[in-house]
């Protein structure tokens, strides 16, 4: 399957006329791809939207080329460009702690901007580890966002 991921990336990056390199690492959950390129902005896009699209496209192509045998779980491909995703995860973790502390101190809920599902997931995980607050996803589609709010007294 690693060869399939490599072939797909070669084709897509070639069509985009992007020069660079990438490493593919198999993890228990799937495959992690690290792309190094001087033209990272084109692959990342505004707020990571192009990167999300690239990742979705790669995963859809793989699922069609290599259907998952019954009883097995699909191995997702997670793509990072120039450590943008990794840095974003670290920034979101720090920011989520700050937001949760603000909600605990103020006692008022906080509504966040719409964000990608993987970003909401990080915030949910961080908030779930902090006493006195909880998080909830609200809205639909591109407007889906998080509320961080005081947890009900137990």
Protein backbone atom coordinates (compact mmCIF):
# COMPACT_ATOMS: atom_id res chain seq x y z
CA UNK A 1 0.00 0.00 0.00
CA UNK A 2 2.95 2.34 0.62
CA UNK A 3 3.79 2.07 -3.08
CA UNK A 4 0.21 3.02 -3.97
CA UNK A 5 0.43 6.13 -1.75
CA UNK A 6 3.76 7.01 -3.37
CA UNK A 7 2.38 6.60 -6.91
CA UNK A 8 -0.65 8.78 -6.12
CA UNK A 9 1.51 11.51 -4.59
CA UNK A 10 3.93 11.42 -7.53
CA UNK A 11 1.02 11.92 -9.93
CA UNK A 12 -0.69 14.70 -7.98
CA UNK A 13 2.49 16.63 -7.17
CA UNK A 14 3.60 16.23 -10.79
CA UNK A 15 0.30 17.60 -12.08
CA UNK A 16 0.69 20.57 -9.72
CA UNK A 17 4.25 21.10 -11.02
CA UNK A 18 5.57 21.07 -7.47
CA UNK A 19 9.14 20.16 -6.72
CA UNK A 20 10.05 18.61 -3.43
CA UNK A 21 10.26 15.33 -1.64
CA UNK A 22 8.20 13.30 0.76
CA UNK A 23 8.58 10.52 3.30
CA UNK A 24 5.92 7.93 4.00
CA UNK A 25 5.78 6.23 7.39
CA UNK A 26 3.40 3.41 8.21
CA UNK A 27 1.77 3.75 11.62
CA UNK A 28 -0.69 1.45 13.39
CA UNK A 29 -3.55 3.74 12.23
CA UNK A 30 -2.44 4.26 8.64
CA UNK A 31 0.22 6.22 6.82
CA UNK A 32 1.84 9.52 7.70
CA UNK A 33 3.23 11.55 4.80
CA UNK A 34 5.68 14.41 5.36
CA UNK A 35 6.08 16.62 2.30
CA UNK A 36 9.03 19.02 1.97
CA UNK A 37 8.73 21.69 -0.74
CA UNK A 38 9.70 25.31 -1.30
CA UNK A 39 6.16 25.98 -2.50
CA UNK A 40 4.40 24.83 0.68
CA UNK A 41 1.82 27.61 0.59
CA UNK A 42 0.20 26.17 -2.52
CA UNK A 43 -0.21 22.78 -0.87
CA UNK A 44 -1.38 24.16 2.50
CA UNK A 45 -3.71 26.91 1.29
CA UNK A 46 -5.68 29.33 3.43
CA UNK A 47 -6.18 27.86 6.91
CA UNK A 48 -5.04 24.46 5.62
CA UNK A 49 -7.96 24.05 3.21
CA UNK A 50 -5.81 22.91 0.27
CA UNK A 51 -4.00 20.43 2.49
CA UNK A 52 -7.37 19.07 3.65
CA UNK A 53 -8.45 18.70 0.02
CA UNK A 54 -5.22 16.93 -0.94
CA UNK A 55 -5.56 14.53 1.95
CA UNK A 56 -9.19 13.80 1.09
CA UNK A 57 -8.31 13.21 -2.56
CA UNK A 58 -5.46 10.83 -1.72
CA UNK A 59 -7.64 8.86 0.70
CA UNK A 60 -10.49 8.58 -1.80
CA UNK A 61 -8.18 7.38 -4.56
CA UNK A 62 -6.65 4.78 -2.24
CA UNK A 63 -10.04 3.52 -1.07
CA UNK A 64 -11.09 2.99 -4.70
CA UNK A 65 -7.81 1.42 -5.82
CA UNK A 66 -7.43 -0.82 -2.77
CA UNK A 67 -10.82 -1.65 -1.24
CA UNK A 68 -10.49 -2.61 2.41
CA UNK A 69 -11.13 -6.32 2.96
CA UNK A 70 -14.18 -7.05 5.09
CA UNK A 71 -13.36 -7.06 8.79
CA UNK A 72 -10.33 -4.78 8.35
CA UNK A 73 -10.20 -1.08 9.07
CA UNK A 74 -9.27 1.41 6.33
CA UNK A 75 -5.76 2.80 6.84
CA UNK A 76 -6.01 6.57 6.45
CA UNK A 77 -3.27 8.74 5.01
CA UNK A 78 -2.43 11.84 7.06
CA UNK A 79 -0.47 14.45 5.12
CA UNK A 80 1.70 17.19 6.60
CA UNK A 81 3.56 19.84 4.60
CA UNK A 82 6.70 21.37 6.07
CA UNK A 83 5.43 20.45 9.59
CA UNK A 84 2.48 22.85 9.22
CA UNK A 85 -0.03 20.33 10.58
CA UNK A 86 2.24 19.35 13.47
CA UNK A 87 2.75 23.01 14.42
CA UNK A 88 -0.99 23.67 14.11
CA UNK A 89 -1.74 20.75 16.45
CA UNK A 90 0.71 22.13 19.03
CA UNK A 91 -0.74 25.65 18.71
CA UNK A 92 -4.31 24.34 19.05
CA UNK A 93 -3.38 22.35 22.16
CA UNK A 94 -1.95 25.45 23.84
CA UNK A 95 -4.86 27.62 22.70
CA UNK A 96 -7.47 25.07 23.85
CA UNK A 97 -5.97 25.12 27.36
CA UNK A 98 -6.11 28.91 27.39
CA UNK A 99 -9.72 28.96 26.17
CA UNK A 100 -10.75 26.34 28.74
CA UNK A 101 -9.10 28.33 31.55
CA UNK A 102 -10.96 31.47 30.41
CA UNK A 103 -14.28 29.59 30.52
CA UNK A 104 -13.53 28.22 33.99
CA UNK A 105 -12.60 31.71 35.26
CA UNK A 106 -15.50 33.58 33.64
CA UNK A 107 -18.17 30.89 34.01
CA UNK A 108 -19.37 31.81 30.50
CA UNK A 109 -19.30 29.67 27.39
CA UNK A 110 -16.99 30.51 24.49
CA UNK A 111 -17.89 30.04 20.84
CA UNK A 112 -14.99 29.33 18.50
CA UNK A 113 -14.57 29.96 14.78
CA UNK A 114 -15.50 27.17 12.34
CA UNK A 115 -12.65 24.72 11.83
CA UNK A 116 -11.76 21.40 10.25
CA UNK A 117 -12.86 18.18 11.97
CA UNK A 118 -9.30 17.19 12.94
CA UNK A 119 -8.82 20.59 14.60
CA UNK A 120 -12.09 20.29 16.54
CA UNK A 121 -11.04 16.80 17.62
CA UNK A 122 -7.80 18.14 19.13
CA UNK A 123 -9.68 20.79 21.10
CA UNK A 124 -12.27 18.24 22.28
CA UNK A 125 -9.47 15.98 23.57
CA UNK A 126 -7.67 18.81 25.39
CA UNK A 127 -10.87 20.19 26.94
CA UNK A 128 -11.98 16.72 28.07
CA UNK A 129 -8.89 16.53 30.29
CA UNK A 130 -9.65 19.81 32.09
CA UNK A 131 -11.97 19.83 35.11
CA UNK A 132 -14.90 22.22 35.06
CA UNK A 133 -15.35 22.54 31.28
CA UNK A 134 -16.73 20.58 28.37
CA UNK A 135 -16.89 21.09 24.62
CA UNK A 136 -19.57 20.52 22.03
CA UNK A 137 -19.58 20.73 18.23
CA UNK A 138 -22.47 22.74 16.78
CA UNK A 139 -23.54 23.78 13.30
CA UNK A 140 -23.33 22.01 9.97
CA UNK A 141 -20.84 21.72 7.14
CA UNK A 142 -18.31 24.52 6.84
CA UNK A 143 -20.03 26.36 9.70
CA UNK A 144 -19.43 23.55 12.22
CA UNK A 145 -17.64 24.96 15.23
CA UNK A 146 -17.05 24.37 18.93
CA UNK A 147 -18.57 25.68 22.10
CA UNK A 148 -16.45 25.45 25.21
CA UNK A 149 -18.69 25.79 28.23
CA UNK A 150 -18.70 25.26 31.97
CA UNK A 151 -19.40 21.64 32.87
CA UNK A 152 -22.54 20.99 34.90
CA UNK A 153 -21.89 20.43 38.60
CA UNK A 154 -21.76 16.75 39.52
